[in-house]
Every structure is written in structure tokens, then in C-alpha cells.
């Protein structure tokens, strides 16, 4: 009797929660935050790709010891460009995944689904306390349908909040650090892109006027230092991109796949597994 009373209270609370809008509104906001993070990371990737494409054809010329040397910046940028392209694809998949989750949230918010769940919960309460209906085919069917509708109503809500908890607990510092580093990288590349033409013209004019082997060698050394600094910048950026790829693969690919598997497993169990409300309370 005590178990029946506890289960009845739980079902009544679930009935109230079914029509509660506060949980839906909070979950929608949590999902919007996730979507904004994905869009923000995607925008950073596209911005980096655009800047890299702009300066990829740049060539630096020097003549140390009278020997002409041409260094292509694109040789350094190619690996970075490739990993950004892959990152863009990951973020596109992540955005699509989050869009699907948003549709599932909208499904759970449908009024007729909520009414159906409340009706089934009411019928469960009746079968729980009305002995002629206990342990009958009717009570089993009602329970199976209630489980399925419960999954449709609350499954996406549980997933979104679990996803947010995983992010805030394990991944938020890495995400914020990575995005900040990539934004700084983009800014530095934009500075290089805007200064490049002027710098090259000034250097060419300076080289043409002086024609000094010493100055040519000095310029060549400066170019090597700039390229080494650029390479270090790209190495750091690539590490952060890999970090973001790992974060979004877990949050928007692996976790949704796990959620889908658990959802189908739950629905399959509801229809084919052993589901008996009364016997579980004996």
C-alpha cells in the first residue's frame, strides 16, 4: 500500500510537470546557448579560413649574398587551411544535430502530446487502485503507451540538460580558452593581411634604393623570424581547433547517438519487454 501511495504521488507530480512551462522554457534557453556556441565556433572557423585565403598567395622576397630567394607563405598556411576545412565540416554537422534536437524539443512541447500523457497517467492511476483492471491486458497496454509518450515528452528535455551538465562540468574552460585563442589568431592574421601590401612595397623600395648585401641578409633573417613566429602561431591554433573538434564531436555527435540509441531501446522495451505495474509493487 505504501508503494502504491508513493507511486501515485509520483504520477501526480509527473502529471503536473507535464504541463509545466518553466522546465520547457529553461531547457529551450539552455539549447539556445548550445546553438550559439556552435554557431560562434563555426563563424570563427569561417573567419580564419577567409583570412588565410586572403594572405595565402603572399610571397616574401630577399637576396642574401646576391642570391634571390622567394618564400611562399602559403606553404605554412596549407596545413592550417586543411584543418580549418575539416573543423568547418564538424561544426556544420554539429549545427544540424542541434537543429534536430530543437525539433524534438518542439515535439515534446506539443499540447496534444501533453494531453495524451496526462490521460495515460490518469488511466494508470485508475488501474493502480481499481482491482478489476489490475494485471490485465488493458493495464499493460496503458503502461506501455505511457512509457512511449513519456519518452517523447521528456526525452529531449533530459538530453539537453544532461548535455549542458557535461559541457559545464568538463568542457567549458577548454572551450572558452580555445575560442579566445582562435579569435586572437584571427585578429593577428587580419593585421598581417592589412599590413602586408604596404610592408612589401616599402621593403621593395628600400631594397631597390640601397642595394646592400648586409641589408639583404638582415631582411632575410627578419623574414625567417616572422615565418617562425607565424608557424608557432599556427601550431597553437591547430591544437585549439583539435580541442574544439573533440568537444563538439562528443556533445553533438556521440551524445546524440547515445540518446537516440537509448530512446529506441526504451521504446522497444515498452513494446516487447516485460512491463507489469502491479507485479513490481508486490
Foldseek 3Di string as FASTA:
>chain_A
DVVLVVVLVVLVVVLVVLPDCVLLVVLVVLLVVVLVLLVLVLVLLVLLLVLCVLQQADWDWFQAVNRIDIDGLNVLCVVLNVLSVVLNVLSVLLNVLSVVLVVLSVQLVDPVLSVLLSVLSVVLNCQSPPPVNAPDPVNLVSQLVNLLSCCSNCLSSVLSVVLSVCCVVPNVVLSVVLSVLSVVLSVVSVVCSVCVVVVRVVVVVVCVVPVDSVVRVVVVVVVVVVSVVVSVSSVVNSVSSVSVSVSSCVRRPVSVVVSVVVSVVSSCCSVPNDDHDPVVVD
